[in-house]
Amino acid sequence: MLDDDDGFFDDVLMRTIDNIDNGATRSSRTLSFNCSGEDIECSAFSNDGFIKSKDAKFLSYDNHVHSFELFDVKISDSTLLDPATLASLMSKARMNVQILTVASRTNLKENTKPFFDIRMQVTKLLITIRNLVGENLFDCKILKPVLKSLRNLFDHQLTFAHLNFVSQLGGKSGNSQIELTSLRGTQFEQELCALIRDLIHLSSCRYNKCKSSEIILQLPFECMCVKEMWLMLQLLVEELERHDQIDPFWMYFNECLDQLQDYAGSDRNLQLKDHIEFSAWLLNGVSKLYGYSENGIYVGVLNIRSADNYDYLENVTRMFLNSDPLEEPLRIYMCLTIPLIHEC
């Protein structure tokens, strides 16, 4: 691991960063959100965004591409399994991790180098290796030392959860099936909930600007980028849940939405006009995202991704009825929740 007191290596690596050619990363399109403006009912995602372009599909355990590009080098499964090719790619990965480690100590606002692309390349290499190990294609006696050399570079400032399979490699034959490590109670789960809370906060700001009579026609997503982020979170959590690594999406959503009311007591910026009405409004909008396929195509209730959140809807409805609502709020609440009986 790099020594924080040794400025020599930092200087060398920062000069390496300065020599990075931003044009080199333009050969493969940079992942980004491509906002198409305000969200409308059943609106389509951008063809250049994360969802429709399938740029995020490489995260899947089941998605396996036999020919791909890493560090500007075109490779395939067979070439990656070659020890010399693997050693060369891991050397590039180690250099990139060191660059990221040094960069984490600097003011990134003053640096426009492609750190995101660098991290994506390292992540893609690790996930590709993980999938190949899962298929028993690697000689893990060769793989384990090179992966450990990469992991030893990480510190508390820079982590890659995809290396959690390294300690599971080995066995009498040198190969082993991966038993996926649970992410429950880890920093990943904390960051997941933090992101959901941030997205809920964005919706709460939008809600507070609307009159109650208007929210029926307004969706809880500020723009298509926010909506795409919600859908990406759903897809990611579903993928990890299928491998029993984390809990269902709705569990995290419900927990974070309940916490919003607790935080509102100490933070005026989080206070809502009506917590129950907001909960129903947000639940309505997020539930409709289950009408989108993994490719970002809206298919409605026919989508096999559909998942209900009836228990939370029942609890919110009970609280609403116990508040002895007037006729107008009751009509609004019914407009928000009746579709959920069929869609969520």
Protein backbone atom coordinates (compact mmCIF):
# COMPACT_ATOMS: atom_id res chain seq x y z
CA MET A 1 0.00 0.00 0.00
CA LEU A 2 1.18 3.51 -0.65
CA ASP A 3 2.79 5.26 2.30
CA ASP A 4 1.03 8.53 3.13
CA ASP A 5 4.37 10.00 4.27
CA ASP A 6 6.17 9.21 1.05
CA GLY A 7 5.52 12.13 -1.28
CA PHE A 8 7.77 10.73 -3.98
CA PHE A 9 5.26 8.14 -5.15
CA ASP A 10 2.45 10.69 -4.99
CA ASP A 11 4.40 13.03 -7.25
CA VAL A 12 5.18 10.25 -9.72
CA LEU A 13 1.58 9.11 -9.87
CA MET A 14 0.19 12.62 -10.19
CA ARG A 15 2.49 13.14 -13.16
CA THR A 16 1.07 9.91 -14.55
CA ILE A 17 -2.42 11.34 -14.12
CA ASP A 18 -1.38 14.50 -15.95
CA ASN A 19 -0.25 12.35 -18.87
CA ILE A 20 -3.56 10.53 -19.16
CA ASP A 21 -5.07 11.27 -22.53
CA ASN A 22 -8.72 12.14 -22.10
CA GLY A 23 -9.19 11.28 -25.76
CA ALA A 24 -8.18 7.71 -25.04
CA THR A 25 -11.36 7.19 -23.08
CA ARG A 26 -13.53 8.64 -25.83
CA SER A 27 -13.06 5.52 -27.95
CA SER A 28 -15.61 3.87 -25.70
CA ARG A 29 -18.56 6.05 -24.78
CA THR A 30 -18.47 7.41 -21.25
CA LEU A 31 -21.36 6.33 -19.04
CA SER A 32 -23.61 9.24 -18.22
CA PHE A 33 -27.17 10.31 -17.59
CA ASN A 34 -28.76 11.91 -20.64
CA CYS A 35 -31.60 13.99 -19.28
CA SER A 36 -34.62 14.47 -21.51
CA GLY A 37 -36.24 16.95 -19.15
CA GLU A 38 -39.20 16.70 -16.82
CA ASP A 39 -40.70 13.29 -16.27
CA ILE A 40 -44.13 12.51 -17.67
CA GLU A 41 -46.34 9.45 -17.36
CA CYS A 42 -44.76 6.32 -18.94
CA SER A 43 -42.09 8.45 -20.60
CA ALA A 44 -39.21 6.69 -22.36
CA PHE A 45 -35.63 6.72 -21.16
CA SER A 46 -32.90 8.12 -23.35
CA ASN A 47 -31.35 5.65 -25.78
CA ASP A 48 -27.94 6.94 -24.67
CA GLY A 49 -28.63 6.52 -20.95
CA PHE A 50 -27.61 3.75 -18.57
CA ILE A 51 -30.75 1.63 -18.87
CA LYS A 52 -31.44 1.44 -22.61
CA SER A 53 -27.80 1.31 -23.67
CA LYS A 54 -27.32 -1.65 -21.28
CA ASP A 55 -24.10 -0.09 -20.00
CA ALA A 56 -24.98 -1.21 -16.49
CA LYS A 57 -25.71 -4.81 -17.50
CA PHE A 58 -22.11 -5.91 -17.00
CA LEU A 59 -22.80 -5.76 -13.24
CA SER A 60 -25.04 -8.79 -13.60
CA TYR A 61 -23.85 -12.20 -12.48
CA ASP A 62 -25.75 -13.73 -15.36
CA ASN A 63 -24.58 -11.32 -18.04
CA HIS A 64 -21.42 -12.64 -19.65
CA VAL A 65 -19.76 -11.06 -22.67
CA HIS A 66 -17.12 -13.27 -24.30
CA SER A 67 -15.38 -10.42 -26.11
CA PHE A 68 -14.78 -7.03 -24.51
CA GLU A 69 -12.35 -4.15 -24.07
CA LEU A 70 -10.32 -3.35 -20.96
CA PHE A 71 -7.70 -0.61 -20.63
CA ASP A 72 -8.01 0.02 -24.39
CA VAL A 73 -7.11 -3.63 -25.11
CA LYS A 74 -9.55 -5.95 -26.85
CA ILE A 75 -9.62 -9.32 -25.13
CA SER A 76 -11.80 -12.41 -24.81
CA ASP A 77 -12.34 -15.13 -22.24
CA SER A 78 -9.60 -17.27 -23.72
CA THR A 79 -6.99 -14.49 -23.71
CA LEU A 80 -7.91 -13.42 -20.17
CA LEU A 81 -7.36 -16.98 -19.00
CA ASP A 82 -3.78 -16.78 -20.30
CA PRO A 83 -1.46 -16.09 -17.31
CA ALA A 84 0.64 -13.55 -19.23
CA THR A 85 -2.43 -11.54 -20.34
CA LEU A 86 -3.89 -11.70 -16.86
CA ALA A 87 -0.62 -10.46 -15.34
CA SER A 88 -0.48 -7.56 -17.81
CA LEU A 89 -4.07 -6.48 -17.11
CA MET A 90 -3.59 -6.76 -13.36
CA SER A 91 -0.49 -4.58 -13.63
CA LYS A 92 -2.59 -1.93 -15.39
CA ALA A 93 -5.29 -2.32 -12.75
CA ARG A 94 -2.78 -1.84 -9.92
CA MET A 95 -1.45 1.34 -11.51
CA ASN A 96 -4.98 2.67 -11.91
CA VAL A 97 -5.86 1.86 -8.30
CA GLN A 98 -2.76 3.74 -7.16
CA ILE A 99 -3.80 6.70 -9.31
CA LEU A 100 -7.24 6.68 -7.69
CA THR A 101 -5.73 6.40 -4.22
CA VAL A 102 -3.50 9.42 -4.78
CA ALA A 103 -6.35 11.34 -6.41
CA SER A 104 -8.53 10.72 -3.33
CA ARG A 105 -6.04 12.81 -1.36
CA THR A 106 -6.29 15.77 -3.72
CA ASN A 107 -8.98 18.30 -4.54
CA LEU A 108 -10.90 16.52 -7.30
CA LYS A 109 -12.86 19.68 -8.09
CA GLU A 110 -9.69 21.07 -9.60
CA ASN A 111 -8.96 17.97 -11.64
CA THR A 112 -10.89 16.90 -14.75
CA LYS A 113 -9.06 13.65 -15.41
CA PRO A 114 -11.24 10.60 -16.20
CA PHE A 115 -11.25 9.03 -12.72
CA PHE A 116 -14.72 7.61 -13.28
CA ASP A 117 -13.58 5.80 -16.42
CA ILE A 118 -10.50 4.49 -14.61
CA ARG A 119 -12.61 3.05 -11.80
CA MET A 120 -15.06 1.57 -14.30
CA GLN A 121 -12.24 -0.26 -16.08
CA VAL A 122 -10.93 -1.76 -12.85
CA THR A 123 -14.46 -2.70 -11.78
CA LYS A 124 -15.20 -4.33 -15.12
CA LEU A 125 -12.02 -6.42 -14.89
CA LEU A 126 -12.90 -7.60 -11.38
CA ILE A 127 -16.47 -8.50 -12.30
CA THR A 128 -15.33 -10.36 -15.42
CA ILE A 129 -12.87 -12.36 -13.32
CA ARG A 130 -15.55 -13.02 -10.73
CA ASN A 131 -17.91 -14.43 -13.37
CA LEU A 132 -15.19 -16.60 -14.91
CA VAL A 133 -14.26 -17.94 -11.47
CA GLY A 134 -17.91 -18.76 -10.90
CA GLU A 135 -17.79 -20.90 -14.05
CA ASN A 136 -14.64 -22.70 -12.82
CA LEU A 137 -12.64 -21.46 -15.79
CA PHE A 138 -9.72 -19.99 -13.82
CA ASP A 139 -6.86 -21.77 -12.14
CA CYS A 140 -7.35 -20.10 -8.79
CA LYS A 141 -3.82 -20.95 -7.64
CA ILE A 142 -2.61 -18.49 -10.27
CA LEU A 143 -5.44 -16.00 -9.80
CA LYS A 144 -5.44 -15.62 -6.03
CA PRO A 145 -1.93 -14.05 -5.65
CA VAL A 146 -2.51 -11.40 -8.33
CA LEU A 147 -5.87 -10.45 -6.87
CA LYS A 148 -4.39 -10.21 -3.38
CA SER A 149 -1.68 -7.89 -4.69
CA LEU A 150 -4.44 -5.62 -5.99
CA ARG A 151 -6.48 -5.75 -2.81
CA ASN A 152 -3.44 -4.84 -0.71
CA LEU A 153 -3.38 -1.43 -2.42
CA PHE A 154 -6.78 -0.45 -1.06
CA ASP A 155 -7.26 1.60 2.08
CA HIS A 156 -10.21 3.12 3.93
CA GLN A 157 -10.50 5.84 1.26
CA LEU A 158 -10.86 3.49 -1.69
CA THR A 159 -12.80 0.22 -1.68
CA PHE A 160 -14.01 -2.26 -4.27
CA ALA A 161 -16.70 -4.58 -2.93
CA HIS A 162 -16.15 -6.83 -5.95
CA LEU A 163 -13.00 -8.22 -4.32
CA ASN A 164 -14.99 -9.92 -1.58
CA PHE A 165 -14.64 -13.23 -3.41
CA VAL A 166 -10.83 -13.36 -3.21
CA SER A 167 -10.71 -15.08 0.17
CA GLN A 168 -12.97 -17.84 -1.17
CA LEU A 169 -10.60 -18.92 -3.93
CA GLY A 170 -8.61 -22.10 -3.59
CA GLY A 171 -9.38 -25.63 -2.54
CA LYS A 172 -7.80 -29.00 -3.21
CA SER A 173 -8.25 -28.74 -6.97
CA GLY A 174 -7.22 -25.11 -7.10
CA ASN A 175 -10.72 -24.13 -8.27
CA SER A 176 -13.89 -23.43 -6.36
CA GLN A 177 -17.42 -22.21 -6.81
CA ILE A 178 -18.00 -18.78 -5.30
CA GLU A 179 -20.31 -18.60 -2.33
CA LEU A 180 -21.42 -15.00 -2.56
CA THR A 181 -20.83 -12.91 0.54
CA SER A 182 -23.84 -11.20 2.08
CA LEU A 183 -23.79 -7.43 1.86
CA ARG A 184 -26.22 -7.01 4.75
CA GLY A 185 -24.89 -4.76 7.46
CA THR A 186 -21.96 -3.61 5.32
CA GLN A 187 -20.92 -0.18 4.07
CA PHE A 188 -22.57 -1.03 0.75
CA GLU A 189 -25.96 -1.35 2.44
CA GLN A 190 -25.38 1.92 4.30
CA GLU A 191 -24.53 3.71 1.04
CA LEU A 192 -27.57 2.18 -0.64
CA CYS A 193 -29.87 3.54 2.06
CA ALA A 194 -28.12 6.92 1.97
CA LEU A 195 -28.79 7.18 -1.77
CA ILE A 196 -32.43 6.20 -1.34
CA ARG A 197 -32.82 8.85 1.37
CA ASP A 198 -31.27 11.45 -0.94
CA LEU A 199 -33.70 10.54 -3.71
CA ILE A 200 -36.62 10.68 -1.29
CA HIS A 201 -35.45 14.11 -0.18
CA LEU A 202 -35.47 15.32 -3.80
CA SER A 203 -39.07 14.12 -4.11
CA SER A 204 -40.01 15.80 -0.82
CA CYS A 205 -38.74 19.14 -2.14
CA ARG A 206 -40.84 18.68 -5.27
CA TYR A 207 -43.85 17.70 -3.18
CA ASN A 208 -43.64 20.76 -0.94
CA LYS A 209 -43.81 23.01 -4.02
CA CYS A 210 -47.07 21.45 -5.24
CA LYS A 211 -50.60 22.05 -4.09
CA SER A 212 -52.40 18.93 -2.92
CA SER A 213 -54.79 19.20 -5.85
CA GLU A 214 -51.81 19.17 -8.25
CA ILE A 215 -49.93 16.10 -7.06
CA ILE A 216 -52.30 13.77 -8.88
CA LEU A 217 -50.90 15.16 -12.14
CA GLN A 218 -47.31 15.46 -10.90
CA LEU A 219 -44.80 12.61 -10.67
CA PRO A 220 -42.31 12.47 -7.78
CA PHE A 221 -39.24 12.54 -10.04
CA GLU A 222 -37.68 15.93 -10.71
CA CYS A 223 -36.46 14.79 -14.14
CA MET A 224 -35.75 11.68 -16.19
CA CYS A 225 -32.26 11.35 -14.67
CA VAL A 226 -33.75 10.96 -11.19
CA LYS A 227 -36.31 8.51 -12.50
CA GLU A 228 -33.57 6.48 -14.19
CA MET A 229 -31.58 6.41 -10.95
CA TRP A 230 -34.59 4.98 -9.11
CA LEU A 231 -35.01 2.27 -11.74
CA MET A 232 -31.30 1.45 -11.66
CA LEU A 233 -31.52 1.03 -7.89
CA GLN A 234 -34.47 -1.32 -8.28
CA LEU A 235 -32.60 -3.42 -10.85
CA LEU A 236 -29.40 -3.52 -8.80
CA VAL A 237 -31.19 -4.56 -5.61
CA GLU A 238 -33.18 -7.21 -7.49
CA GLU A 239 -29.95 -8.64 -8.92
CA LEU A 240 -28.29 -8.83 -5.52
CA GLU A 241 -31.43 -10.15 -3.85
CA ARG A 242 -31.59 -13.02 -6.36
CA HIS A 243 -28.21 -14.10 -4.98
CA ASP A 244 -29.37 -13.59 -1.38
CA GLN A 245 -26.85 -10.83 -0.75
CA ILE A 246 -29.27 -8.11 0.37
CA ASP A 247 -32.95 -7.69 1.25
CA PRO A 248 -35.81 -6.75 -1.12
CA PHE A 249 -35.97 -3.25 -2.53
CA TRP A 250 -39.22 -2.37 -0.79
CA MET A 251 -37.72 -3.13 2.62
CA TYR A 252 -35.05 -0.46 2.14
CA PHE A 253 -37.54 1.96 0.58
CA ASN A 254 -40.03 1.62 3.45
CA GLU A 255 -37.33 1.98 6.09
CA CYS A 256 -35.90 5.13 4.50
CA LEU A 257 -39.33 6.68 3.98
CA ASP A 258 -40.20 6.12 7.64
CA GLN A 259 -36.89 7.66 8.69
CA LEU A 260 -37.76 10.84 6.80
CA GLN A 261 -40.44 11.68 9.35
CA ASP A 262 -37.99 11.10 12.20
CA TYR A 263 -35.37 13.37 10.63
CA ALA A 264 -37.95 16.07 9.89
CA GLY A 265 -38.29 16.75 13.60
CA SER A 266 -34.72 18.06 13.77
CA ASP A 267 -34.25 19.39 10.21
CA ARG A 268 -36.65 22.00 8.86
CA ASN A 269 -35.49 21.24 5.30
CA LEU A 270 -37.02 17.76 5.60
CA GLN A 271 -40.39 18.84 6.95
CA LEU A 272 -43.37 17.88 4.80
CA LYS A 273 -46.79 19.43 4.39
CA ASP A 274 -48.37 16.02 4.89
CA HIS A 275 -46.19 12.95 5.50
CA ILE A 276 -48.99 10.45 4.78
CA GLU A 277 -50.00 12.10 1.52
CA PHE A 278 -46.35 12.35 0.47
CA SER A 279 -45.79 8.65 1.27
CA ALA A 280 -48.74 7.64 -0.89
CA TRP A 281 -47.58 9.93 -3.71
CA LEU A 282 -44.02 8.61 -3.70
CA LEU A 283 -45.16 5.01 -3.34
CA ASN A 284 -47.39 5.52 -6.38
CA GLY A 285 -44.53 6.86 -8.50
CA VAL A 286 -41.87 4.34 -7.47
CA SER A 287 -44.31 1.42 -7.85
CA LYS A 288 -44.95 2.41 -11.46
CA LEU A 289 -41.26 1.87 -12.19
CA TYR A 290 -41.97 -1.84 -11.92
CA GLY A 291 -43.87 -1.38 -15.16
CA TYR A 292 -40.51 -0.94 -16.92
CA SER A 293 -38.52 -3.90 -18.16
CA GLU A 294 -34.78 -4.27 -17.53
CA ASN A 295 -34.26 -2.65 -20.94
CA GLY A 296 -36.22 0.45 -19.98
CA ILE A 297 -39.32 -0.38 -22.03
CA TYR A 298 -42.66 0.36 -20.37
CA VAL A 299 -44.91 -2.72 -20.47
CA GLY A 300 -47.15 -1.96 -17.48
CA VAL A 301 -48.59 -4.62 -15.19
CA LEU A 302 -47.52 -7.35 -17.63
CA ASN A 303 -43.91 -6.87 -16.60
CA ILE A 304 -42.45 -9.91 -14.80
CA ARG A 305 -40.50 -7.54 -12.53
CA SER A 306 -43.68 -6.53 -10.70
CA ALA A 307 -43.38 -6.63 -6.91
CA ASP A 308 -46.03 -5.58 -4.40
CA ASN A 309 -45.70 -3.40 -1.32
CA TYR A 310 -49.15 -4.05 0.08
CA ASP A 311 -48.12 -4.17 3.74
CA TYR A 312 -46.72 -0.66 3.66
CA LEU A 313 -49.69 0.59 1.64
CA GLU A 314 -52.01 -0.89 4.26
CA ASN A 315 -50.15 0.82 7.10
CA VAL A 316 -50.18 4.20 5.35
CA THR A 317 -53.88 3.83 4.54
CA ARG A 318 -54.68 2.97 8.15
CA MET A 319 -52.86 6.09 9.36
CA PHE A 320 -54.67 8.20 6.78
CA LEU A 321 -58.12 6.93 7.77
CA ASN A 322 -57.35 7.39 11.46
CA SER A 323 -56.69 11.07 10.76
CA ASP A 324 -60.40 11.54 9.92
CA PRO A 325 -59.75 13.13 6.51
CA LEU A 326 -62.02 15.60 4.76
CA GLU A 327 -63.61 14.81 1.40
CA GLU A 328 -61.02 16.48 -0.85
CA PRO A 329 -57.96 14.84 0.77
CA LEU A 330 -59.84 11.54 0.68
CA ARG A 331 -60.43 11.85 -3.06
CA ILE A 332 -56.78 12.70 -3.66
CA TYR A 333 -55.64 9.77 -1.54
CA MET A 334 -57.91 7.38 -3.42
CA CYS A 335 -56.54 8.61 -6.76
CA LEU A 336 -53.01 7.88 -5.55
CA THR A 337 -53.57 4.50 -3.95
CA ILE A 338 -56.28 2.70 -5.92
CA PRO A 339 -53.93 2.15 -8.91
CA LEU A 340 -51.42 0.55 -6.52
CA ILE A 341 -53.82 -2.28 -5.80
CA HIS A 342 -53.43 -3.32 -9.43
CA GLU A 343 -49.89 -2.16 -10.17
CA CYS A 344 -47.66 -2.44 -7.10
